[in-house]
Amino acid sequence: MNEDWNTMRVIGIIGDEWYHVWFPATGEYGFVRQSDLTTGNG
C-alpha cells in the first residue's frame, strides 16, 4: 500500500455501494466500492 492510498478521504457516498474519495497527497479524486475497503486500525 502506498502513501497516496493511506491519505484517502471519503467526501461522499453514492447509493449503498460507492464512495467518492479524494487523495490530498496527489489532488486526485475517484470512486471506490464499499466492499473494497476494510476497517482501519484507528
PDB file of N, CA and C in Angstrom:
ATOM      1  N   MET A   1       0.858  -1.174   0.000  1.00  0.00           N
ATOM      2  CA  MET A   1       0.000   0.000   0.000  1.00  0.00           C
ATOM      3  C   MET A   1       0.903   1.236   0.000  1.00  0.00           C
ATOM      4  N   ASN A   2       0.608   2.183  -0.856  1.00  0.00           N
ATOM      5  CA  ASN A   2       1.469   3.352  -0.935  1.00  0.00           C
ATOM      6  C   ASN A   2       0.909   4.523  -0.130  1.00  0.00           C
ATOM      7  N   GLU A   3       1.683   5.568  -0.020  1.00  0.00           N
ATOM      8  CA  GLU A   3       1.315   6.745   0.766  1.00  0.00           C
ATOM      9  C   GLU A   3       0.010   7.372   0.301  1.00  0.00           C
ATOM     10  N   ASP A   4      -0.230   7.405  -1.012  1.00  0.00           N
ATOM     11  CA  ASP A   4      -1.443   8.035  -1.537  1.00  0.00           C
ATOM     12  C   ASP A   4      -2.694   7.323  -1.046  1.00  0.00           C
ATOM     13  N   TRP A   5      -2.660   5.997  -0.984  1.00  0.00           N
ATOM     14  CA  TRP A   5      -3.831   5.240  -0.509  1.00  0.00           C
ATOM     15  C   TRP A   5      -4.075   5.534   0.971  1.00  0.00           C
ATOM     16  N   ASN A   6      -3.015   5.675   1.770  1.00  0.00           N
ATOM     17  CA  ASN A   6      -3.147   5.919   3.199  1.00  0.00           C
ATOM     18  C   ASN A   6      -3.782   7.263   3.503  1.00  0.00           C
ATOM     19  N   THR A   7      -3.738   8.196   2.569  1.00  0.00           N
ATOM     20  CA  THR A   7      -4.270   9.533   2.825  1.00  0.00           C
ATOM     21  C   THR A   7      -5.613   9.756   2.134  1.00  0.00           C
ATOM     22  N   MET A   8      -6.272   8.690   1.741  1.00  0.00           N
ATOM     23  CA  MET A   8      -7.577   8.805   1.082  1.00  0.00           C
ATOM     24  C   MET A   8      -8.620   9.344   2.051  1.00  0.00           C
ATOM     25  N   ARG A   9      -9.469  10.246   1.562  1.00  0.00           N
ATOM     26  CA  ARG A   9     -10.564  10.807   2.354  1.00  0.00           C
ATOM     27  C   ARG A   9     -11.870  10.565   1.620  1.00  0.00           C
ATOM     28  N   VAL A  10     -12.867  10.057   2.338  1.00  0.00           N
ATOM     29  CA  VAL A  10     -14.195   9.883   1.758  1.00  0.00           C
ATOM     30  C   VAL A  10     -14.889  11.242   1.798  1.00  0.00           C
ATOM     31  N   ILE A  11     -15.356  11.708   0.623  1.00  0.00           N
ATOM     32  CA  ILE A  11     -16.021  13.007   0.559  1.00  0.00           C
ATOM     33  C   ILE A  11     -17.494  12.886   0.188  1.00  0.00           C
ATOM     34  N   GLY A  12     -17.938  11.658  -0.112  1.00  0.00           N
ATOM     35  CA  GLY A  12     -19.341  11.454  -0.435  1.00  0.00           C
ATOM     36  C   GLY A  12     -19.678   9.985  -0.535  1.00  0.00           C
ATOM     37  N   ILE A  13     -20.959   9.679  -0.394  1.00  0.00           N
ATOM     38  CA  ILE A  13     -21.441   8.311  -0.519  1.00  0.00           C
ATOM     39  C   ILE A  13     -22.494   8.293  -1.610  1.00  0.00           C
ATOM     40  N   ILE A  14     -22.355   7.359  -2.527  1.00  0.00           N
ATOM     41  CA  ILE A  14     -23.265   7.260  -3.658  1.00  0.00           C
ATOM     42  C   ILE A  14     -24.016   5.938  -3.537  1.00  0.00           C
ATOM     43  N   GLY A  15     -25.297   6.026  -3.226  1.00  0.00           N
ATOM     44  CA  GLY A  15     -26.094   4.820  -3.053  1.00  0.00           C
ATOM     45  C   GLY A  15     -25.600   3.997  -1.886  1.00  0.00           C
ATOM     46  N   ASP A  16     -25.709   2.681  -2.028  1.00  0.00           N
ATOM     47  CA  ASP A  16     -25.278   1.765  -0.975  1.00  0.00           C
ATOM     48  C   ASP A  16     -23.933   1.129  -1.256  1.00  0.00           C
ATOM     49  N   GLU A  17     -23.328   1.458  -2.394  1.00  0.00           N
ATOM     50  CA  GLU A  17     -22.168   0.685  -2.815  1.00  0.00           C
ATOM     51  C   GLU A  17     -20.899   1.489  -3.088  1.00  0.00           C
ATOM     52  N   TRP A  18     -20.996   2.782  -3.403  1.00  0.00           N
ATOM     53  CA  TRP A  18     -19.832   3.544  -3.859  1.00  0.00           C
ATOM     54  C   TRP A  18     -19.512   4.714  -2.936  1.00  0.00           C
ATOM     55  N   TYR A  19     -18.206   4.985  -2.782  1.00  0.00           N
ATOM     56  CA  TYR A  19     -17.719   6.163  -2.074  1.00  0.00           C
ATOM     57  C   TYR A  19     -17.003   7.059  -3.075  1.00  0.00           C
ATOM     58  N   HIS A  20     -17.224   8.366  -2.962  1.00  0.00           N
ATOM     59  CA  HIS A  20     -16.474   9.352  -3.731  1.00  0.00           C
ATOM     60  C   HIS A  20     -15.304   9.744  -2.840  1.00  0.00           C
ATOM     61  N   VAL A  21     -14.087   9.578  -3.331  1.00  0.00           N
ATOM     62  CA  VAL A  21     -12.911   9.779  -2.497  1.00  0.00           C
ATOM     63  C   VAL A  21     -11.969  10.830  -3.086  1.00  0.00           C
ATOM     64  N   TRP A  22     -11.122  11.364  -2.211  1.00  0.00           N
ATOM     65  CA  TRP A  22     -10.132  12.370  -2.575  1.00  0.00           C
ATOM     66  C   TRP A  22      -8.800  11.946  -1.968  1.00  0.00           C
ATOM     67  N   PHE A  23      -7.731  12.094  -2.744  1.00  0.00           N
ATOM     68  CA  PHE A  23      -6.383  11.793  -2.280  1.00  0.00           C
ATOM     69  C   PHE A  23      -5.626  13.118  -2.140  1.00  0.00           C
ATOM     70  N   PRO A  24      -5.581  13.693  -0.919  1.00  0.00           N
ATOM     71  CA  PRO A  24      -4.939  15.008  -0.737  1.00  0.00           C
ATOM     72  C   PRO A  24      -3.483  15.061  -1.203  1.00  0.00           C
ATOM     73  N   ALA A  25      -2.749  13.969  -1.063  1.00  0.00           N
ATOM     74  CA  ALA A  25      -1.327  13.974  -1.441  1.00  0.00           C
ATOM     75  C   ALA A  25      -1.122  14.225  -2.929  1.00  0.00           C
ATOM     76  N   THR A  26      -2.099  13.796  -3.753  1.00  0.00           N
ATOM     77  CA  THR A  26      -1.943  13.948  -5.201  1.00  0.00           C
ATOM     78  C   THR A  26      -2.966  14.901  -5.814  1.00  0.00           C
ATOM     79  N   GLY A  27      -3.997  15.255  -5.031  1.00  0.00           N
ATOM     80  CA  GLY A  27      -5.053  16.123  -5.543  1.00  0.00           C
ATOM     81  C   GLY A  27      -6.036  15.398  -6.452  1.00  0.00           C
ATOM     82  N   GLU A  28      -5.978  14.076  -6.497  1.00  0.00           N
ATOM     83  CA  GLU A  28      -6.848  13.299  -7.372  1.00  0.00           C
ATOM     84  C   GLU A  28      -8.137  12.893  -6.662  1.00  0.00           C
ATOM     85  N   TYR A  29      -9.187  12.706  -7.450  1.00  0.00           N
ATOM     86  CA  TYR A  29     -10.489  12.251  -6.973  1.00  0.00           C
ATOM     87  C   TYR A  29     -10.830  10.949  -7.677  1.00  0.00           C
ATOM     88  N   GLY A  30     -11.711  10.162  -7.065  1.00  0.00           N
ATOM     89  CA  GLY A  30     -12.126   8.928  -7.708  1.00  0.00           C
ATOM     90  C   GLY A  30     -13.269   8.277  -6.964  1.00  0.00           C
ATOM     91  N   PHE A  31     -13.559   7.033  -7.330  1.00  0.00           N
ATOM     92  CA  PHE A  31     -14.652   6.279  -6.732  1.00  0.00           C
ATOM     93  C   PHE A  31     -14.130   4.920  -6.283  1.00  0.00           C
ATOM     94  N   VAL A  32     -14.623   4.456  -5.131  1.00  0.00           N
ATOM     95  CA  VAL A  32     -14.211   3.178  -4.573  1.00  0.00           C
ATOM     96  C   VAL A  32     -15.456   2.448  -4.100  1.00  0.00           C
ATOM     97  N   ARG A  33     -15.541   1.167  -4.396  1.00  0.00           N
ATOM     98  CA  ARG A  33     -16.649   0.362  -3.880  1.00  0.00           C
ATOM     99  C   ARG A  33     -16.475   0.139  -2.388  1.00  0.00           C
ATOM    100  N   GLN A  34     -17.570   0.210  -1.664  1.00  0.00           N
ATOM    101  CA  GLN A  34     -17.530  -0.021  -0.227  1.00  0.00           C
ATOM    102  C   GLN A  34     -16.917  -1.383   0.086  1.00  0.00           C
ATOM    103  N   SER A  35     -17.249  -2.390  -0.698  1.00  0.00           N
ATOM    104  CA  SER A  35     -16.750  -3.748  -0.446  1.00  0.00           C
ATOM    105  C   SER A  35     -15.226  -3.865  -0.634  1.00  0.00           C
ATOM    106  N   ASP A  36     -14.597  -2.895  -1.298  1.00  0.00           N
ATOM    107  CA  ASP A  36     -13.147  -2.927  -1.485  1.00  0.00           C
ATOM    108  C   ASP A  36     -12.391  -2.286  -0.333  1.00  0.00           C
ATOM    109  N   LEU A  37     -13.101  -1.663   0.593  1.00  0.00           N
ATOM    110  CA  LEU A  37     -12.473  -1.022   1.746  1.00  0.00           C
ATOM    111  C   LEU A  37     -12.546  -1.938   2.951  1.00  0.00           C
ATOM    112  N   THR A  38     -11.572  -1.770   3.857  1.00  0.00           N
ATOM    113  CA  THR A  38     -11.576  -2.505   5.117  1.00  0.00           C
ATOM    114  C   THR A  38     -11.510  -1.509   6.256  1.00  0.00           C
ATOM    115  N   THR A  39     -11.917  -1.938   7.424  1.00  0.00           N
ATOM    116  CA  THR A  39     -11.855  -1.083   8.604  1.00  0.00           C
ATOM    117  C   THR A  39     -10.400  -0.833   8.960  1.00  0.00           C
ATOM    118  N   GLY A  40     -10.090   0.424   9.254  1.00  0.00           N
ATOM    119  CA  GLY A  40      -8.732   0.788   9.634  1.00  0.00           C
ATOM    120  C   GLY A  40      -8.428   0.400  11.056  1.00  0.00           C
ATOM    121  N   ASN A  41      -7.247   0.709  11.491  1.00  0.00           N
ATOM    122  CA  ASN A  41      -6.848   0.355  12.845  1.00  0.00           C
ATOM    123  C   ASN A  41      -6.833   1.559  13.769  1.00  0.00           C
ATOM    124  N   GLY A  42      -7.531   2.599  13.407  1.00  0.00           N
ATOM    125  CA  GLY A  42      -7.503   3.762  14.285  1.00  0.00           C
ATOM    126  C   GLY A  42      -8.691   4.573  14.087  1.00  0.00           C
TER     127      GLY A  42
END
